[in-house]
Each structure stands twice: as C-alpha cells, then as structure tokens.
N, C-alpha and C. Protein backbone atom coordinates (compact mmCIF):
# COMPACT_ATOMS: atom_id res chain seq x y z
N MET A 1 22.70 198.37 163.74
CA MET A 1 23.46 199.13 164.71
C MET A 1 22.74 200.43 165.05
N TRP A 2 22.19 201.09 164.03
CA TRP A 2 21.50 202.34 164.26
C TRP A 2 20.32 202.14 165.21
N GLU A 3 19.58 201.01 165.03
CA GLU A 3 18.42 200.74 165.88
C GLU A 3 18.84 200.57 167.33
N ILE A 4 19.97 199.89 167.55
CA ILE A 4 20.46 199.69 168.91
C ILE A 4 20.79 201.04 169.54
N GLN A 5 21.47 201.91 168.79
CA GLN A 5 21.80 203.23 169.31
C GLN A 5 20.55 204.04 169.60
N GLU A 6 19.54 203.92 168.74
CA GLU A 6 18.30 204.65 168.93
C GLU A 6 17.60 204.18 170.21
N VAL A 7 17.53 202.87 170.42
CA VAL A 7 16.90 202.33 171.62
C VAL A 7 17.67 202.78 172.86
N ARG A 8 19.00 202.71 172.79
CA ARG A 8 19.81 203.13 173.93
C ARG A 8 19.54 204.59 174.25
N HIS A 9 19.40 205.41 173.21
CA HIS A 9 19.14 206.83 173.41
C HIS A 9 17.78 207.03 174.09
N LYS A 10 16.77 206.28 173.68
CA LYS A 10 15.44 206.42 174.25
C LYS A 10 15.36 205.88 175.67
N GLU A 11 15.94 204.70 175.87
CA GLU A 11 15.77 204.01 177.14
C GLU A 11 16.84 204.33 178.17
N GLY A 12 18.05 204.62 177.74
CA GLY A 12 19.15 204.79 178.68
C GLY A 12 19.60 203.43 179.19
N ASP A 13 20.57 203.43 180.04
CA ASP A 13 21.07 202.18 180.61
C ASP A 13 20.21 201.78 181.79
N ALA A 14 19.83 200.52 181.81
CA ALA A 14 19.04 200.02 182.93
C ALA A 14 19.94 199.91 184.15
N PRO A 15 19.50 200.38 185.30
CA PRO A 15 20.34 200.26 186.49
C PRO A 15 20.52 198.80 186.87
N ALA A 16 21.74 198.42 187.18
CA ALA A 16 22.03 197.03 187.56
C ALA A 16 21.87 196.90 189.07
N ASP A 17 21.01 196.02 189.49
CA ASP A 17 20.83 195.74 190.91
C ASP A 17 21.81 194.65 191.29
N SER A 18 22.71 194.96 192.21
CA SER A 18 23.78 194.02 192.56
C SER A 18 23.26 192.76 193.22
N THR A 19 22.00 192.74 193.67
CA THR A 19 21.46 191.54 194.30
C THR A 19 20.86 190.58 193.28
N GLU A 20 20.69 191.03 192.04
CA GLU A 20 20.11 190.18 191.01
C GLU A 20 21.14 189.19 190.49
N ASP A 21 20.67 188.00 190.12
CA ASP A 21 21.53 186.98 189.54
C ASP A 21 21.43 187.10 188.02
N VAL A 22 22.22 188.00 187.44
CA VAL A 22 22.14 188.29 186.01
C VAL A 22 23.54 188.31 185.40
N VAL A 23 23.57 188.23 184.09
CA VAL A 23 24.82 188.38 183.35
C VAL A 23 24.87 189.81 182.83
N THR A 24 25.97 190.48 183.08
CA THR A 24 26.15 191.85 182.63
C THR A 24 27.31 191.89 181.65
N LEU A 25 27.06 192.41 180.45
CA LEU A 25 28.11 192.57 179.45
C LEU A 25 28.53 194.02 179.42
N MET A 26 29.83 194.27 179.49
CA MET A 26 30.32 195.64 179.43
C MET A 26 31.77 195.66 179.01
N THR A 27 32.21 196.83 178.60
CA THR A 27 33.61 197.00 178.26
C THR A 27 34.42 197.11 179.55
N ILE A 28 35.72 196.96 179.41
CA ILE A 28 36.59 197.11 180.57
C ILE A 28 36.50 198.53 181.10
N HIS A 29 36.41 199.50 180.21
CA HIS A 29 36.28 200.90 180.64
C HIS A 29 35.04 201.09 181.51
N LYS A 30 33.92 200.50 181.11
CA LYS A 30 32.68 200.63 181.89
C LYS A 30 32.77 199.92 183.23
N ALA A 31 33.65 198.92 183.33
CA ALA A 31 33.75 198.12 184.56
C ALA A 31 34.61 198.78 185.63
N LYS A 32 35.28 199.87 185.29
CA LYS A 32 36.14 200.54 186.28
C LYS A 32 35.33 200.90 187.51
N GLY A 33 35.85 200.54 188.67
CA GLY A 33 35.20 200.85 189.93
C GLY A 33 34.12 199.88 190.35
N LEU A 34 33.78 198.92 189.50
CA LEU A 34 32.74 197.94 189.82
C LEU A 34 33.37 196.59 190.14
N GLU A 35 32.63 195.76 190.87
CA GLU A 35 33.06 194.39 191.14
C GLU A 35 31.88 193.45 190.90
N PHE A 36 32.21 192.21 190.56
CA PHE A 36 31.20 191.19 190.29
C PHE A 36 31.67 189.87 190.87
N PRO A 37 30.74 189.00 191.28
CA PRO A 37 31.15 187.70 191.83
C PRO A 37 32.00 186.91 190.84
N VAL A 38 31.59 186.87 189.58
CA VAL A 38 32.31 186.13 188.54
C VAL A 38 32.56 187.06 187.37
N VAL A 39 33.78 187.05 186.86
CA VAL A 39 34.13 187.85 185.69
C VAL A 39 34.74 186.93 184.65
N VAL A 40 34.25 187.05 183.42
CA VAL A 40 34.81 186.30 182.30
C VAL A 40 35.40 187.30 181.32
N LEU A 41 36.66 187.11 181.01
CA LEU A 41 37.34 187.95 180.03
C LEU A 41 37.54 187.09 178.78
N PRO A 42 36.57 187.15 177.83
CA PRO A 42 36.57 186.21 176.71
C PRO A 42 37.56 186.53 175.60
N ASP A 43 37.87 187.78 175.37
CA ASP A 43 38.74 188.13 174.25
C ASP A 43 39.92 188.94 174.73
N THR A 44 41.07 188.32 174.72
CA THR A 44 42.28 189.00 175.18
C THR A 44 43.23 189.28 174.01
N THR A 45 42.74 189.13 172.78
CA THR A 45 43.63 189.21 171.62
C THR A 45 43.76 190.60 171.01
N ALA A 46 42.95 191.55 171.44
CA ALA A 46 43.05 192.90 170.88
C ALA A 46 44.42 193.48 171.21
N GLY A 47 45.06 194.05 170.22
CA GLY A 47 46.40 194.60 170.42
C GLY A 47 46.38 195.85 171.27
N PHE A 48 47.48 196.09 171.94
CA PHE A 48 47.63 197.31 172.73
C PHE A 48 47.87 198.51 171.82
N ARG A 49 48.42 198.27 170.67
CA ARG A 49 48.81 199.36 169.78
C ARG A 49 47.67 199.71 168.82
N GLY A 50 47.43 200.99 168.68
CA GLY A 50 46.42 201.45 167.74
C GLY A 50 46.86 201.23 166.30
N ALA A 51 45.95 201.39 165.39
CA ALA A 51 46.24 201.21 163.97
C ALA A 51 47.23 202.28 163.50
N PRO A 52 48.12 201.92 162.58
CA PRO A 52 49.06 202.92 162.07
C PRO A 52 48.33 204.02 161.32
N ARG A 53 48.84 205.22 161.44
CA ARG A 53 48.21 206.37 160.78
C ARG A 53 49.25 207.15 159.99
N ASP A 54 48.80 207.74 158.91
CA ASP A 54 49.71 208.55 158.09
C ASP A 54 49.90 209.95 158.67
N ILE A 55 48.94 210.41 159.46
CA ILE A 55 49.06 211.71 160.12
C ILE A 55 48.97 211.47 161.62
N LEU A 56 49.98 211.96 162.34
CA LEU A 56 50.00 211.79 163.80
C LEU A 56 50.13 213.15 164.46
N VAL A 57 49.48 213.28 165.61
CA VAL A 57 49.53 214.52 166.38
C VAL A 57 49.99 214.18 167.79
N ASP A 58 50.99 214.93 168.27
CA ASP A 58 51.44 214.79 169.65
C ASP A 58 51.28 216.15 170.31
N PRO A 59 50.14 216.38 171.00
CA PRO A 59 49.89 217.70 171.58
C PRO A 59 50.90 218.08 172.66
N ARG A 60 51.47 217.09 173.34
CA ARG A 60 52.45 217.40 174.40
C ARG A 60 53.72 218.03 173.83
N LYS A 61 54.10 217.57 172.65
CA LYS A 61 55.33 218.07 172.02
C LYS A 61 55.03 219.09 170.92
N HIS A 62 53.75 219.40 170.74
CA HIS A 62 53.32 220.35 169.70
C HIS A 62 53.81 219.91 168.32
N LEU A 63 53.63 218.62 168.02
CA LEU A 63 54.08 218.06 166.74
C LEU A 63 52.91 217.50 165.94
N VAL A 64 52.93 217.78 164.66
CA VAL A 64 52.03 217.14 163.71
C VAL A 64 52.94 216.58 162.63
N THR A 65 52.85 215.27 162.38
CA THR A 65 53.72 214.67 161.38
C THR A 65 52.89 213.98 160.31
N VAL A 66 53.44 213.96 159.12
CA VAL A 66 52.78 213.32 157.99
C VAL A 66 53.75 212.31 157.39
N LYS A 67 53.24 211.13 157.12
CA LYS A 67 54.04 210.09 156.47
C LYS A 67 53.72 210.14 154.98
N PRO A 68 54.59 210.76 154.18
CA PRO A 68 54.26 210.95 152.77
C PRO A 68 54.39 209.70 151.91
N GLY A 69 55.21 208.75 152.32
CA GLY A 69 55.42 207.55 151.51
C GLY A 69 55.58 206.33 152.40
N LYS A 70 56.29 205.34 151.89
CA LYS A 70 56.47 204.10 152.65
C LYS A 70 57.46 204.26 153.79
N ILE A 71 58.43 205.13 153.64
CA ILE A 71 59.44 205.33 154.69
C ILE A 71 59.09 206.61 155.45
N PRO A 72 58.69 206.47 156.72
CA PRO A 72 58.29 207.66 157.48
C PRO A 72 59.49 208.51 157.88
N PRO A 73 59.32 209.83 157.92
CA PRO A 73 60.38 210.71 158.40
C PRO A 73 60.66 210.44 159.88
N LEU A 74 61.82 210.89 160.34
CA LEU A 74 62.25 210.66 161.72
C LEU A 74 61.23 211.18 162.73
N ALA A 75 60.70 212.38 162.51
CA ALA A 75 59.72 212.95 163.45
C ALA A 75 58.48 212.07 163.54
N HIS A 76 58.05 211.52 162.41
CA HIS A 76 56.87 210.65 162.40
C HIS A 76 57.14 209.37 163.20
N ARG A 77 58.32 208.80 163.01
CA ARG A 77 58.67 207.59 163.76
C ARG A 77 58.74 207.88 165.26
N PHE A 78 59.25 209.05 165.61
CA PHE A 78 59.34 209.44 167.02
C PHE A 78 57.94 209.52 167.64
N VAL A 79 57.03 210.21 166.97
CA VAL A 79 55.66 210.35 167.49
C VAL A 79 54.98 208.98 167.53
N GLU A 80 55.25 208.15 166.53
CA GLU A 80 54.67 206.80 166.48
C GLU A 80 55.15 205.95 167.66
N GLU A 81 56.44 206.05 167.99
CA GLU A 81 56.99 205.29 169.12
C GLU A 81 56.41 205.79 170.45
N GLU A 82 56.27 207.10 170.58
CA GLU A 82 55.65 207.67 171.79
C GLU A 82 54.22 207.16 171.94
N ARG A 83 53.50 207.17 170.84
CA ARG A 83 52.11 206.69 170.85
C ARG A 83 52.05 205.21 171.21
N ALA A 84 52.97 204.42 170.68
CA ALA A 84 53.01 202.99 170.98
C ALA A 84 53.27 202.76 172.46
N ARG A 85 54.17 203.56 173.06
CA ARG A 85 54.44 203.44 174.51
C ARG A 85 53.19 203.77 175.33
N ARG A 86 52.52 204.86 174.95
CA ARG A 86 51.29 205.24 175.67
C ARG A 86 50.21 204.17 175.51
N ASP A 87 50.06 203.64 174.29
CA ASP A 87 49.07 202.58 174.05
C ASP A 87 49.39 201.35 174.88
N HIS A 88 50.66 200.99 174.97
CA HIS A 88 51.07 199.81 175.75
C HIS A 88 50.77 200.04 177.23
N ASP A 89 51.12 201.21 177.75
CA ASP A 89 50.85 201.51 179.15
C ASP A 89 49.35 201.48 179.44
N GLU A 90 48.55 202.05 178.54
CA GLU A 90 47.09 202.03 178.72
C GLU A 90 46.56 200.60 178.65
N GLY A 91 47.12 199.79 177.78
CA GLY A 91 46.72 198.38 177.69
C GLY A 91 46.99 197.64 178.99
N LEU A 92 48.13 197.91 179.61
CA LEU A 92 48.44 197.27 180.90
C LEU A 92 47.50 197.76 181.99
N ARG A 93 47.15 199.04 181.97
CA ARG A 93 46.19 199.56 182.96
C ARG A 93 44.83 198.91 182.78
N LEU A 94 44.39 198.76 181.53
CA LEU A 94 43.11 198.10 181.27
C LEU A 94 43.14 196.63 181.70
N LEU A 95 44.26 195.97 181.47
CA LEU A 95 44.40 194.58 181.89
C LEU A 95 44.27 194.49 183.41
N TYR A 96 44.90 195.42 184.12
CA TYR A 96 44.79 195.44 185.58
C TYR A 96 43.32 195.59 186.00
N VAL A 97 42.62 196.53 185.38
CA VAL A 97 41.21 196.73 185.70
C VAL A 97 40.43 195.45 185.44
N ALA A 98 40.65 194.83 184.28
CA ALA A 98 39.91 193.62 183.92
C ALA A 98 40.16 192.49 184.91
N LEU A 99 41.39 192.36 185.38
CA LEU A 99 41.75 191.25 186.26
C LEU A 99 41.36 191.48 187.71
N THR A 100 40.98 192.70 188.06
CA THR A 100 40.66 192.98 189.47
C THR A 100 39.18 193.26 189.71
N ARG A 101 38.30 192.92 188.77
CA ARG A 101 36.87 193.14 188.95
C ARG A 101 36.18 191.96 189.62
N ALA A 102 36.80 190.79 189.64
CA ALA A 102 36.15 189.58 190.16
C ALA A 102 36.28 189.50 191.68
N GLN A 103 35.16 189.18 192.34
CA GLN A 103 35.17 188.97 193.78
C GLN A 103 35.50 187.52 194.14
N LYS A 104 34.99 186.56 193.36
CA LYS A 104 35.16 185.14 193.69
C LYS A 104 35.91 184.36 192.62
N ARG A 105 35.55 184.58 191.36
CA ARG A 105 36.14 183.76 190.29
C ARG A 105 36.38 184.62 189.06
N LEU A 106 37.56 184.39 188.47
CA LEU A 106 37.94 185.08 187.24
C LEU A 106 38.29 184.03 186.19
N CYS A 107 37.66 184.11 185.04
CA CYS A 107 37.94 183.19 183.94
C CYS A 107 38.48 184.02 182.77
N VAL A 108 39.71 183.72 182.37
CA VAL A 108 40.35 184.44 181.27
C VAL A 108 40.61 183.46 180.14
N CYS A 109 40.12 183.77 178.97
CA CYS A 109 40.34 182.91 177.80
C CYS A 109 41.65 183.33 177.13
N LEU A 110 42.58 182.39 177.04
CA LEU A 110 43.86 182.65 176.38
C LEU A 110 43.91 181.90 175.07
N TYR A 111 44.72 182.39 174.18
CA TYR A 111 44.87 181.83 172.85
C TYR A 111 46.34 181.62 172.59
N PRO A 112 46.69 180.85 171.56
CA PRO A 112 48.12 180.69 171.25
C PRO A 112 48.77 182.06 171.08
N PRO A 113 49.98 182.24 171.63
CA PRO A 113 50.64 183.55 171.53
C PRO A 113 50.85 183.96 170.07
N ASN A 114 50.77 185.27 169.85
CA ASN A 114 51.05 185.81 168.52
C ASN A 114 52.03 186.96 168.69
N PRO A 115 52.64 187.41 167.60
CA PRO A 115 53.67 188.45 167.74
C PRO A 115 53.13 189.81 168.17
N ARG A 116 51.84 190.06 168.01
CA ARG A 116 51.27 191.35 168.39
C ARG A 116 51.14 191.43 169.91
N ILE A 117 51.54 192.54 170.49
CA ILE A 117 51.44 192.71 171.94
C ILE A 117 49.97 192.94 172.29
N SER A 118 49.45 192.09 173.17
CA SER A 118 48.05 192.19 173.59
C SER A 118 47.95 191.67 175.01
N MET A 119 46.75 191.75 175.58
CA MET A 119 46.53 191.16 176.90
C MET A 119 46.86 189.68 176.86
N ASN A 120 46.50 189.03 175.77
CA ASN A 120 46.77 187.61 175.59
C ASN A 120 48.27 187.31 175.68
N THR A 121 49.09 188.12 175.02
CA THR A 121 50.54 187.93 175.03
C THR A 121 51.09 188.08 176.44
N VAL A 122 50.70 189.15 177.12
CA VAL A 122 51.19 189.42 178.48
C VAL A 122 50.77 188.29 179.41
N LEU A 123 49.51 187.87 179.35
CA LEU A 123 49.03 186.81 180.23
C LEU A 123 49.68 185.47 179.92
N ASN A 124 49.86 185.14 178.65
CA ASN A 124 50.53 183.90 178.29
C ASN A 124 51.93 183.85 178.87
N GLN A 125 52.67 184.95 178.75
CA GLN A 125 54.03 184.98 179.28
C GLN A 125 54.04 184.80 180.79
N ARG A 126 53.20 185.55 181.48
CA ARG A 126 53.19 185.50 182.95
C ARG A 126 52.66 184.17 183.49
N LEU A 127 51.57 183.68 182.93
CA LEU A 127 50.94 182.48 183.46
C LEU A 127 51.71 181.22 183.11
N ARG A 128 52.40 181.21 182.00
CA ARG A 128 53.18 180.03 181.64
C ARG A 128 54.47 179.97 182.45
N ASP A 129 55.02 181.13 182.79
CA ASP A 129 56.29 181.16 183.53
C ASP A 129 56.09 181.01 185.03
N ASP A 130 55.20 181.79 185.59
CA ASP A 130 54.99 181.83 187.05
C ASP A 130 53.51 181.63 187.35
N VAL A 131 53.13 180.42 187.67
CA VAL A 131 51.73 180.17 188.04
C VAL A 131 51.54 180.61 189.48
N LEU A 132 50.64 181.53 189.68
CA LEU A 132 50.37 182.09 191.01
C LEU A 132 49.51 181.14 191.83
N PRO A 133 49.58 181.22 193.15
CA PRO A 133 48.71 180.39 193.99
C PRO A 133 47.25 180.67 193.69
N GLY A 134 46.45 179.63 193.55
CA GLY A 134 45.02 179.77 193.28
C GLY A 134 44.69 179.93 191.81
N VAL A 135 45.71 179.97 190.95
CA VAL A 135 45.48 180.11 189.51
C VAL A 135 45.61 178.74 188.86
N VAL A 136 44.62 178.39 188.06
CA VAL A 136 44.64 177.12 187.33
C VAL A 136 44.74 177.46 185.85
N VAL A 137 45.78 176.95 185.20
CA VAL A 137 45.96 177.16 183.76
C VAL A 137 45.67 175.84 183.08
N ARG A 138 44.65 175.83 182.23
CA ARG A 138 44.24 174.60 181.54
C ARG A 138 44.32 174.80 180.04
N ASP A 139 44.73 173.75 179.36
CA ASP A 139 44.72 173.74 177.91
C ASP A 139 43.28 173.66 177.44
N GLY A 140 42.95 174.30 176.34
CA GLY A 140 41.58 174.30 175.84
C GLY A 140 41.04 172.92 175.53
N MET A 141 41.93 171.96 175.29
CA MET A 141 41.50 170.61 174.97
C MET A 141 41.38 169.74 176.22
N ALA A 142 41.81 170.26 177.36
CA ALA A 142 41.77 169.48 178.60
C ALA A 142 40.36 169.48 179.18
N LYS A 143 40.16 168.62 180.15
CA LYS A 143 38.85 168.57 180.83
C LYS A 143 38.63 169.86 181.60
N PRO A 144 37.38 170.28 181.75
CA PRO A 144 37.10 171.52 182.49
C PRO A 144 37.56 171.42 183.94
N VAL A 145 37.89 172.56 184.50
CA VAL A 145 38.27 172.65 185.91
C VAL A 145 37.01 172.53 186.74
N PRO A 146 37.00 171.64 187.77
CA PRO A 146 35.79 171.53 188.61
C PRO A 146 35.51 172.84 189.34
N VAL A 147 34.24 173.17 189.46
CA VAL A 147 33.84 174.42 190.12
C VAL A 147 33.41 174.12 191.53
C-alpha cells in the first residue's frame, strides 16, 4: 500500500481522455460531475452507517459524549441517532451520484438483502417492488441479458 501511495505522489493522476476506450476505476466521490458510457457498480453492500464509536462529537449541538459501558447514556444515543440519520442521507446522495453517471448502460450488482441499511438494501426494495421502464432485473443464476 505504501508503494502505491508513493507512486501516486510522484506521478499524480493521469488525465483521462474521454475519447479513449478504457476502463476507469474510481470511488463514487471521485465520479461526481463526471459521466461515462457504461458504469458498473460492483459492490452495493457497504452500510450507510459508520462504525459505532465510544466517543462521539456533534459540533452543531456542541456535544461531546462518551459511552462508558455497554449501556450508552441518553446524550450519546441522541448523538448516535443524529449521526445515523446524516450517514443515511449521505448514503442516499452517494447512491444517486452512482446511478446517474452512466450515459448508455448501468450495471448494478445486487446481493441477497441483509438487515444492514446499504445501497444494496435500498435497490433491492425499489427494484423488486417497482421495476422501472428500461430496467432489467436478473437473478445471478439466470442467463445474461443480451447486449
């Protein structure tokens, strides 16, 4: 990992020429404002919620809370819920960015639903209930969709 960071530091990011027929790998954050003919979203399972923390800071409310044991104090739970709401909203914004980068074709890999809220959960609920025009939902064991 260190070598990759060192090379990136020396070389910088190579400019992407939009006329080239290449595969570009990037995070959803890096893709903001860009479009590509084909976009593949391979991993939708990352949760919207960040990892639980024993110390939380809410600068808007000027709160710092500490979870001293297994049962968090009320203020800690309050800050945790606020953080979860913000994480969920940010997750939905990132999902929107990811789904709107494709010019011609978008391929999203879905997995069996799990209890954790993620892009996968949101997409499974929406695509299983209301299939939009032009959207093909295929089981992983089914034959590929013709291109």
